[in-house]
Protein backbone atom coordinates (compact mmCIF):
# COMPACT_ATOMS: atom_id res chain seq x y z
CA UNK A 1 0.06 0.04 0.05
CA UNK A 2 2.87 2.45 0.69
CA UNK A 3 4.60 1.72 -2.56
CA UNK A 4 1.30 2.16 -4.39
CA UNK A 5 0.68 5.44 -2.64
CA UNK A 6 4.33 6.72 -3.34
CA UNK A 7 3.47 5.91 -7.25
CA UNK A 8 0.08 7.61 -7.06
CA UNK A 9 1.58 10.75 -5.78
CA UNK A 10 4.41 10.93 -8.28
CA UNK A 11 2.04 10.43 -11.23
CA UNK A 12 -0.19 13.19 -9.89
CA UNK A 13 2.85 15.58 -9.70
CA UNK A 14 4.10 14.98 -13.00
CA UNK A 15 0.68 14.90 -14.61
CA UNK A 16 0.17 18.46 -12.92
CA UNK A 17 3.53 19.71 -13.92
CA UNK A 18 3.10 18.53 -17.55
CA UNK A 19 -0.38 19.96 -17.85
CA UNK A 20 0.88 23.37 -16.88
CA UNK A 21 4.11 23.43 -19.01
CA UNK A 22 4.17 20.93 -21.81
CA UNK A 23 0.79 19.70 -22.81
CA UNK A 24 0.24 23.61 -23.81
CA UNK A 25 2.12 22.50 -26.98
CA UNK A 26 -0.35 20.84 -29.06
CA UNK A 27 2.39 19.06 -31.27
CA UNK A 28 3.84 17.44 -28.06
CA UNK A 29 0.95 16.78 -25.65
CA UNK A 30 0.06 13.28 -27.59
CA UNK A 31 3.52 12.08 -26.87
CA UNK A 32 3.79 12.88 -23.32
CA UNK A 33 0.08 11.84 -22.70
CA UNK A 34 1.19 8.15 -24.06
CA UNK A 35 4.11 8.39 -21.44
CA UNK A 36 2.23 8.25 -18.17
CA UNK A 37 -0.14 5.19 -18.90
CA UNK A 38 3.23 3.47 -19.93
CA UNK A 39 5.01 4.29 -16.83
CA UNK A 40 2.01 3.23 -14.74
CA UNK A 41 1.69 -0.26 -16.40
CA UNK A 42 5.40 -0.81 -15.95
CA UNK A 43 5.53 0.17 -12.31
CA UNK A 44 2.61 -2.29 -11.83
CA UNK A 45 4.24 -5.02 -13.62
CA UNK A 46 7.18 -4.29 -11.50
CA UNK A 47 5.45 -4.22 -8.41
CA UNK A 48 3.47 -7.57 -9.21
CA UNK A 49 6.69 -9.45 -10.62
CA UNK A 50 8.35 -9.01 -7.14
CA UNK A 51 6.21 -11.48 -5.99
CA UNK A 52 3.84 -13.92 -7.68
CA UNK A 53 1.20 -15.64 -5.35
CA UNK A 54 -1.54 -17.29 -7.14
CA UNK A 55 -3.89 -17.42 -4.00
CA UNK A 56 -5.91 -14.71 -2.39
CA UNK A 57 -4.16 -11.47 -1.51
CA UNK A 58 -2.65 -11.59 2.14
CA UNK A 59 0.35 -13.35 3.85
CA UNK A 60 1.38 -17.05 3.09
CA UNK A 61 -0.04 -19.10 6.10
CA UNK A 62 2.09 -22.29 6.56
CA UNK A 63 2.35 -24.49 9.30
CA UNK A 64 5.15 -27.12 9.69
CA UNK A 65 4.64 -30.21 11.77
CA UNK A 66 7.75 -32.40 11.87
CA UNK A 67 8.24 -35.96 13.23
CA UNK A 68 10.95 -36.34 15.86
CA UNK A 69 10.49 -39.77 16.83
CA UNK A 70 13.20 -41.88 16.87
CA UNK A 71 12.68 -43.46 13.38
CA UNK A 72 13.50 -40.11 11.97
CA UNK A 73 17.35 -40.49 13.30
CA UNK A 74 17.66 -43.80 11.22
CA UNK A 75 20.24 -43.98 8.10
CA UNK A 76 21.04 -46.22 5.49
CA UNK A 77 24.29 -48.39 5.77
CA UNK A 78 27.12 -45.74 5.04
CA UNK A 79 29.39 -48.38 3.48
CA UNK A 80 26.74 -48.93 0.45
CA UNK A 81 24.83 -45.65 0.52
CA UNK A 82 27.39 -42.93 1.29
CA UNK A 83 26.67 -40.23 4.00
CA UNK A 84 22.94 -39.45 2.97
CA UNK A 85 22.25 -38.18 6.61
CA UNK A 86 19.36 -39.25 8.95
CA UNK A 87 15.71 -38.86 7.70
CA UNK A 88 15.70 -35.66 9.80
CA UNK A 89 18.37 -34.44 8.19
CA UNK A 90 17.06 -35.04 4.80
CA UNK A 91 13.91 -33.13 5.79
CA UNK A 92 15.84 -30.36 6.86
CA UNK A 93 17.41 -29.88 3.55
CA UNK A 94 14.18 -29.38 1.94
CA UNK A 95 12.64 -27.14 4.65
CA UNK A 96 15.36 -24.76 5.13
CA UNK A 97 15.84 -24.08 1.24
CA UNK A 98 12.17 -23.76 1.09
CA UNK A 99 12.24 -20.92 4.01
CA UNK A 100 14.89 -19.34 2.01
CA UNK A 101 13.15 -18.81 -1.37
CA UNK A 102 9.85 -17.73 0.81
CA UNK A 103 11.95 -15.36 2.34
CA UNK A 104 13.03 -13.98 -1.26
CA UNK A 105 9.57 -13.06 -1.96
CA UNK A 106 7.97 -9.70 -1.20
CA UNK A 107 4.80 -11.43 0.51
CA UNK A 108 5.04 -11.78 3.99
CA UNK A 109 5.10 -15.33 5.32
CA UNK A 110 3.39 -16.58 8.29
CA UNK A 111 5.01 -19.83 9.90
CA UNK A 112 4.23 -22.08 12.75
CA UNK A 113 6.44 -25.09 13.63
CA UNK A 114 5.12 -28.10 15.67
CA UNK A 115 7.23 -31.09 16.68
CA UNK A 116 5.35 -34.58 17.37
CA UNK A 117 6.14 -38.16 18.28
CA UNK A 118 2.95 -39.78 20.22
CA UNK A 119 2.24 -36.30 21.35
CA UNK A 120 2.60 -33.01 19.83
CA UNK A 121 4.23 -29.63 21.06
CA UNK A 122 4.07 -26.34 19.32
CA UNK A 123 7.65 -24.96 19.19
CA UNK A 124 6.73 -21.72 17.17
CA UNK A 125 3.06 -20.19 16.81
CA UNK A 126 2.33 -17.80 13.98
CA UNK A 127 5.46 -15.66 13.53
CA UNK A 128 6.63 -13.74 10.43
CA UNK A 129 10.15 -14.13 11.68
CA UNK A 130 11.67 -16.52 9.14
CA UNK A 131 14.84 -16.22 10.61
CA UNK A 132 13.43 -17.61 13.76
CA UNK A 133 11.61 -20.40 12.20
CA UNK A 134 14.79 -21.46 10.24
CA UNK A 135 16.87 -21.62 13.49
CA UNK A 136 13.95 -23.64 15.34
CA UNK A 137 13.99 -26.02 12.21
CA UNK A 138 17.83 -26.33 12.00
CA UNK A 139 18.88 -26.45 15.60
CA UNK A 140 15.72 -27.45 17.76
CA UNK A 141 14.12 -29.99 15.78
CA UNK A 142 16.19 -33.24 16.91
CA UNK A 143 15.08 -36.77 17.58
CA UNK A 144 14.58 -37.26 21.06
CA UNK A 145 13.27 -33.64 21.56
CA UNK A 146 10.09 -34.90 23.08
CA UNK A 147 10.10 -37.84 25.84
CA UNK A 148 7.40 -39.51 24.68
CA UNK A 149 7.96 -42.52 22.53
CA UNK A 150 6.31 -43.62 19.26
CA UNK A 151 4.92 -41.65 16.41
CA UNK A 152 1.36 -40.74 15.53
CA UNK A 153 0.69 -38.52 12.56
CA UNK A 154 -3.04 -38.20 13.81
CA UNK A 155 -1.45 -36.56 16.94
CA UNK A 156 0.38 -33.90 14.81
CA UNK A 157 -2.99 -33.33 12.80
CA UNK A 158 -4.68 -32.78 16.18
CA UNK A 159 -2.03 -30.18 17.16
CA UNK A 160 -2.10 -28.17 14.14
CA UNK A 161 -5.89 -27.89 14.03
CA UNK A 162 -5.89 -25.27 16.94
CA UNK A 163 -3.25 -23.26 15.19
CA UNK A 164 -5.31 -22.66 12.29
CA UNK A 165 -8.58 -22.15 14.29
CA UNK A 166 -6.78 -19.26 16.45
CA UNK A 167 -5.98 -17.34 13.38
CA UNK A 168 -7.85 -13.80 12.97
CA UNK A 169 -11.37 -14.27 11.56
CA UNK A 170 -10.20 -12.85 8.04
CA UNK A 171 -7.59 -15.58 7.76
CA UNK A 172 -10.01 -18.37 8.87
CA UNK A 173 -11.78 -17.85 5.73
CA UNK A 174 -11.90 -21.32 3.86
CA UNK A 175 -11.44 -19.42 0.45
CA UNK A 176 -8.03 -18.05 1.89
CA UNK A 177 -5.17 -20.61 1.09
CA UNK A 178 -3.68 -22.04 4.19
CA UNK A 179 -0.93 -24.86 4.06
CA UNK A 180 0.10 -27.59 6.43
CA UNK A 181 3.45 -29.38 5.42
CA UNK A 182 3.75 -32.63 7.38
CA UNK A 183 7.10 -34.11 7.80
CA UNK A 184 7.29 -37.84 8.51
CA UNK A 185 8.52 -41.17 7.50
CA UNK A 186 4.99 -42.53 7.69
CA UNK A 187 5.94 -45.22 10.22
CA UNK A 188 2.99 -45.15 12.67
CA UNK A 189 3.31 -46.87 16.04
CA UNK A 190 0.07 -46.28 17.60
CA UNK A 191 -3.72 -46.19 16.34
CA UNK A 192 -4.67 -44.31 13.27
CA UNK A 193 -8.27 -43.63 14.35
CA UNK A 194 -7.91 -39.73 14.50
CA UNK A 195 -6.37 -39.18 11.08
CA UNK A 196 -9.75 -39.13 9.03
CA UNK A 197 -11.44 -36.88 11.51
CA UNK A 198 -8.78 -34.16 11.76
CA UNK A 199 -8.23 -34.25 8.40
CA UNK A 200 -11.91 -33.46 7.83
CA UNK A 201 -11.62 -30.41 10.22
CA UNK A 202 -8.31 -29.08 8.15
CA UNK A 203 -9.94 -29.43 4.89
CA UNK A 204 -13.34 -27.33 6.38
CA UNK A 205 -10.63 -24.64 7.44
CA UNK A 206 -9.21 -24.66 3.70
CA UNK A 207 -5.90 -25.97 4.65
CA UNK A 208 -4.33 -27.87 1.88
CA UNK A 209 -1.72 -30.37 3.13
CA UNK A 210 1.71 -31.18 1.57
CA UNK A 211 3.00 -34.64 2.74
CA UNK A 212 6.72 -34.47 2.92
CA UNK A 213 7.52 -37.91 3.13
CA UNK A 214 11.18 -39.22 4.18
CA UNK A 215 12.67 -42.48 4.04
CA UNK A 216 14.45 -44.75 1.53
CA UNK A 217 12.37 -47.67 0.23
CA UNK A 218 15.35 -49.36 -1.46
CA UNK A 219 17.66 -49.52 1.34
CA UNK A 220 17.09 -50.52 5.10
CA UNK A 221 17.67 -47.94 7.76
CA UNK A 222 18.47 -48.20 11.33
CA UNK A 223 19.59 -46.31 14.19
CA UNK A 224 23.24 -45.87 13.82
CA UNK A 225 25.62 -47.06 16.45
CA UNK A 226 29.55 -45.54 16.28
CA UNK A 227 32.42 -46.23 18.22
CA UNK A 228 34.74 -43.56 20.02
CA UNK A 229 36.15 -42.67 16.95
CA UNK A 230 32.71 -41.97 15.26
CA UNK A 231 33.42 -44.98 13.01
CA UNK A 232 30.12 -46.59 12.21
CA UNK A 233 29.55 -50.11 13.97
CA UNK A 234 26.13 -51.22 12.94
CA UNK A 235 22.57 -50.68 13.75
CA UNK A 236 20.80 -50.58 17.16
CA UNK A 237 18.02 -53.15 17.87
CA UNK A 238 15.11 -51.15 19.22
CA UNK A 239 12.21 -53.66 20.62
CA UNK A 240 13.38 -56.33 18.55
CA UNK A 241 13.51 -54.57 15.45
CA UNK A 242 16.79 -53.29 13.52
CA UNK A 243 15.53 -51.68 10.70
CA UNK A 244 12.61 -49.05 10.55
CA UNK A 245 10.05 -49.53 7.54
CA UNK A 246 8.72 -46.14 5.94
CA UNK A 247 5.17 -45.99 4.95
CA UNK A 248 4.67 -43.68 1.97
CA UNK A 249 1.25 -44.94 1.31
CA UNK A 250 -0.08 -43.40 4.61
CA UNK A 251 1.46 -40.26 3.55
CA UNK A 252 0.01 -40.41 0.34
CA UNK A 253 -3.57 -40.97 2.10
CA UNK A 254 -2.78 -37.96 4.13
CA UNK A 255 -2.13 -35.66 1.01
CA UNK A 256 -5.33 -37.09 -0.48
CA UNK A 257 -6.31 -37.66 -4.02
CA UNK A 258 -7.30 -34.22 -5.30
CA UNK A 259 -4.03 -32.56 -6.55
CA UNK A 260 -5.57 -28.90 -6.05
CA UNK A 261 -5.80 -29.78 -2.33
CA UNK A 262 -3.04 -31.92 -1.34
CA UNK A 263 0.73 -32.62 -2.41
CA UNK A 264 2.76 -35.97 -1.74
CA UNK A 265 6.41 -35.15 -2.40
CA UNK A 266 9.52 -37.27 -1.30
CA UNK A 267 12.13 -35.45 0.62
CA UNK A 268 14.85 -37.37 -1.28
CA UNK A 269 13.64 -36.04 -4.48
CA UNK A 270 15.88 -33.44 -6.44
CA UNK A 271 12.93 -31.26 -7.28
CA UNK A 272 11.21 -31.44 -3.65
CA UNK A 273 11.44 -27.66 -3.22
CA UNK A 274 10.45 -26.52 -6.30
CA UNK A 275 7.64 -28.95 -6.02
CA UNK A 276 6.35 -27.39 -3.01
CA UNK A 277 6.76 -23.48 -3.91
CA UNK A 278 4.98 -24.61 -7.10
CA UNK A 279 1.94 -25.90 -5.04
CA UNK A 280 2.10 -23.26 -2.49
CA UNK A 281 1.94 -20.61 -5.60
CA UNK A 282 4.78 -18.43 -4.20
CA UNK A 283 7.75 -17.70 -6.72
CA UNK A 284 10.79 -15.81 -5.99
CA UNK A 285 11.32 -13.17 -8.59
CA UNK A 286 14.13 -13.76 -10.93
CA UNK A 287 16.99 -11.03 -10.78
CA UNK A 288 16.92 -10.80 -14.64
CA UNK A 289 13.24 -9.99 -14.78
CA UNK A 290 13.62 -7.59 -11.82
CA UNK A 291 16.53 -5.78 -13.58
CA UNK A 292 14.56 -5.49 -16.74
CA UNK A 293 11.48 -4.30 -15.12
CA UNK A 294 13.90 -1.93 -13.03
CA UNK A 295 15.50 -0.50 -16.24
CA UNK A 296 12.34 0.16 -17.97
CA UNK A 297 10.95 2.18 -15.07
CA UNK A 298 14.23 4.11 -15.11
CA UNK A 299 14.01 4.80 -18.73
CA UNK A 300 10.50 5.92 -18.63
CA UNK A 301 11.32 8.57 -15.62
CA UNK A 302 14.40 9.57 -17.55
CA UNK A 303 12.43 10.34 -20.59
CA UNK A 304 9.96 12.43 -18.54
CA UNK A 305 12.79 14.28 -16.94
CA UNK A 306 14.31 15.25 -20.32
CA UNK A 307 10.99 16.22 -21.55
CA UNK A 308 10.47 18.61 -18.60
CA UNK A 309 13.99 20.01 -18.93
CA UNK A 310 13.60 20.47 -22.64
CA UNK A 311 9.98 21.89 -22.84
CA UNK A 312 8.88 22.27 -19.38
CA UNK A 313 10.50 25.68 -18.34
CA UNK A 314 9.59 27.43 -21.56
CA UNK A 315 6.70 29.94 -21.33
């Protein structure tokens, strides 16, 4: 709004000056008359290109619910798969660049961060400080953060519903785009009874769910054991089980069948960040496009200034 007001005042001043000085010359008035709408169009294009958000006007509302259960600390055998990192680390490699791209847009973004195992805990309520959200995702989200064992996606969904319900009335409108990124390997250790009901509540609130699934199907993953020299020794047995089995089908179910209302994406996919950005509808403006638009605006202003200097002071 502030930028638009500055543009409007500038246009009014230029129009007034041209009317007093330049448009008295009939031969020159058609050219200067065409300059003003051209400049206005270019200014609008530049303003819009700074940020492209296909949803309703307003901030991007994005809740992140991340699984921090023990299975998110598993890795594949480094001898055959290299240093792929834990499942949680792979998810962070998607979430952190995502926040970087969101911060590169002119549109404000409201973020909330929730961690869950068999219970959920809000780490950050709605906040537009993306640097704070980044620190939480990078440094606070760790396996073992919550003392309760197990993993329950339904608990995560239950935990984020009050966050969306607490939004100001204008933002609770189902037509206003809101997003939930659910980060998990899908391994469920407790009943799934609450999933359907909570998903229904989120849909009624207009929340679009992004299922960020993490976990390798082609390689078994377990909790690593290291010696005092940080050399990999093998996998730890937990409750009689060595390997953790991810469940991508559960995460697909959470995303739903409607591609307009939900997205399933693998954290290990090279295009995970771009897929999420495209689904949300926010695109960071390219530096080349910005430079061209800025140059065009400067060019039009230069033409007007030259016109004023050449003809504007003649009585």
